[in-house]
Amino acid sequence: ACGHAEFDPNKLCRGCGADSLEWQVGSGRGTVYSYTEVTRPQTPAFTSPYVVVIVELDEGYHMVSNIIGCAPADVRIDMPVAVVFHEIEEGVVLPYFAPAHSGMNG
């Protein structure tokens, strides 16, 4: 009712309390809000180093994910990024983020 974008899914709008929420497709674009480089993975299944990011999406909410497509040293606060989806195992697809380049479709 108020136009507030919600993420993660919720029964009530955190902006106005309305219960008339609808699924909408996001732009998939945003900027790096915060990040950390992981050099010691939690399990051997992960290859390090990798960068965990908090992305502020254009719609106003935040997502935690990994950034791919650039060296860990190249990640910066306010860096433009776009979502890319990867199947990590059959039937399991996760959103990652990569540096956004002009002309990139996210």
Protein backbone atom coordinates (compact mmCIF):
# COMPACT_ATOMS: atom_id res chain seq x y z
CA ALA A 1 0.00 0.00 0.00
CA CYS A 2 2.85 2.43 0.79
CA GLY A 3 5.30 1.25 -1.92
CA HIS A 4 7.91 0.00 0.59
CA ALA A 5 9.96 -2.92 -0.81
CA GLU A 6 10.29 -5.91 1.55
CA PHE A 7 13.09 -8.43 1.69
CA ASP A 8 13.01 -11.07 3.17
CA PRO A 9 9.41 -12.19 2.53
CA ASN A 10 7.04 -11.10 5.28
CA LYS A 11 3.30 -11.20 6.00
CA LEU A 12 3.07 -7.49 6.85
CA CYS A 13 4.70 -4.41 5.35
CA ARG A 14 7.41 -3.08 7.65
CA GLY A 15 6.71 0.40 6.27
CA CYS A 16 2.97 0.71 6.99
CA GLY A 17 1.75 -2.60 8.44
CA ALA A 18 -0.49 -3.46 5.47
CA ASP A 19 -1.10 -7.14 4.72
CA SER A 20 -1.65 -6.66 0.97
CA LEU A 21 1.89 -7.52 -0.15
CA GLU A 22 2.57 -8.71 -3.71
CA TRP A 23 5.58 -10.42 -5.27
CA GLN A 24 7.51 -8.14 -7.61
CA VAL A 25 10.65 -8.63 -9.65
CA GLY A 26 13.54 -6.48 -8.45
CA SER A 27 16.02 -4.73 -10.71
CA GLY A 28 18.91 -6.93 -9.54
CA ARG A 29 21.08 -3.82 -9.34
CA GLY A 30 22.59 -2.12 -6.35
CA THR A 31 25.79 -1.06 -4.64
CA VAL A 32 28.13 -2.66 -2.13
CA TYR A 33 27.05 -1.42 1.32
CA SER A 34 29.67 -3.43 3.25
CA TYR A 35 31.97 -6.38 2.68
CA THR A 36 34.56 -8.67 4.19
CA GLU A 37 37.19 -10.90 2.63
CA VAL A 38 37.18 -14.48 3.88
CA THR A 39 40.64 -16.03 3.85
CA ARG A 40 39.89 -19.03 6.05
CA PRO A 41 36.76 -20.83 4.84
CA GLN A 42 34.41 -22.46 7.33
CA THR A 43 34.55 -25.79 5.51
CA PRO A 44 36.80 -27.31 2.84
CA ALA A 45 33.86 -27.00 0.39
CA PHE A 46 34.65 -23.28 0.03
CA THR A 47 37.64 -22.02 -1.91
CA SER A 48 39.25 -18.93 -0.42
CA PRO A 49 39.73 -16.09 -0.62
CA TYR A 50 36.20 -14.94 -1.36
CA VAL A 51 34.24 -11.81 -0.53
CA VAL A 52 30.95 -11.70 1.36
CA VAL A 53 28.99 -8.53 0.62
CA ILE A 54 25.96 -6.71 1.91
CA VAL A 55 24.36 -5.20 -1.18
CA GLU A 56 21.97 -2.27 -1.00
CA LEU A 57 19.55 -2.95 -3.84
CA ASP A 58 18.08 -0.08 -5.87
CA GLU A 59 14.69 -0.88 -4.30
CA GLY A 60 16.07 0.00 -0.85
CA TYR A 61 16.56 -3.33 0.90
CA HIS A 62 19.79 -5.20 1.67
CA MET A 63 20.94 -8.71 0.74
CA VAL A 64 23.91 -10.74 1.95
CA SER A 65 25.70 -12.68 -0.78
CA ASN A 66 29.10 -13.28 -2.37
CA ILE A 67 30.68 -11.14 -5.05
CA ILE A 68 32.18 -12.83 -8.10
CA GLY A 69 33.88 -11.65 -11.25
CA CYS A 70 36.56 -9.52 -9.63
CA ALA A 71 39.55 -9.84 -7.34
CA PRO A 72 38.86 -9.42 -3.62
CA ALA A 73 41.18 -6.38 -3.57
CA ASP A 74 38.98 -4.65 -6.17
CA VAL A 75 35.78 -4.67 -4.07
CA ARG A 76 34.82 -1.22 -2.75
CA ILE A 77 32.00 0.40 -0.79
CA ASP A 78 29.45 1.96 -3.22
CA MET A 79 30.71 -0.27 -6.05
CA PRO A 80 27.85 -0.83 -8.55
CA VAL A 81 26.87 -4.50 -8.78
CA ALA A 82 24.29 -6.64 -10.56
CA VAL A 83 22.82 -10.01 -9.63
CA VAL A 84 23.92 -13.20 -11.38
CA PHE A 85 22.33 -16.57 -10.61
CA HIS A 86 24.34 -19.78 -10.28
CA GLU A 87 23.13 -23.32 -9.84
CA ILE A 88 25.33 -24.71 -7.05
CA GLU A 89 23.78 -28.17 -7.28
CA GLU A 90 20.87 -29.60 -9.20
CA GLY A 91 17.77 -27.62 -8.33
CA VAL A 92 19.57 -25.16 -6.02
CA VAL A 93 20.17 -21.70 -7.51
CA LEU A 94 21.67 -18.84 -5.50
CA PRO A 95 21.99 -15.12 -6.24
CA TYR A 96 25.52 -13.78 -6.38
CA PHE A 97 26.64 -10.28 -7.37
CA ALA A 98 29.21 -9.15 -9.91
CA PRO A 99 30.58 -5.71 -10.80
CA ALA A 100 28.02 -3.88 -12.95
CA HIS A 101 29.34 -2.59 -16.23
CA SER A 102 27.52 -0.21 -18.52
CA GLY A 103 25.35 -2.20 -20.89
CA MET A 104 25.23 -5.20 -18.54
CA ASN A 105 21.80 -6.78 -18.26
CA GLY A 106 21.11 -7.83 -14.68
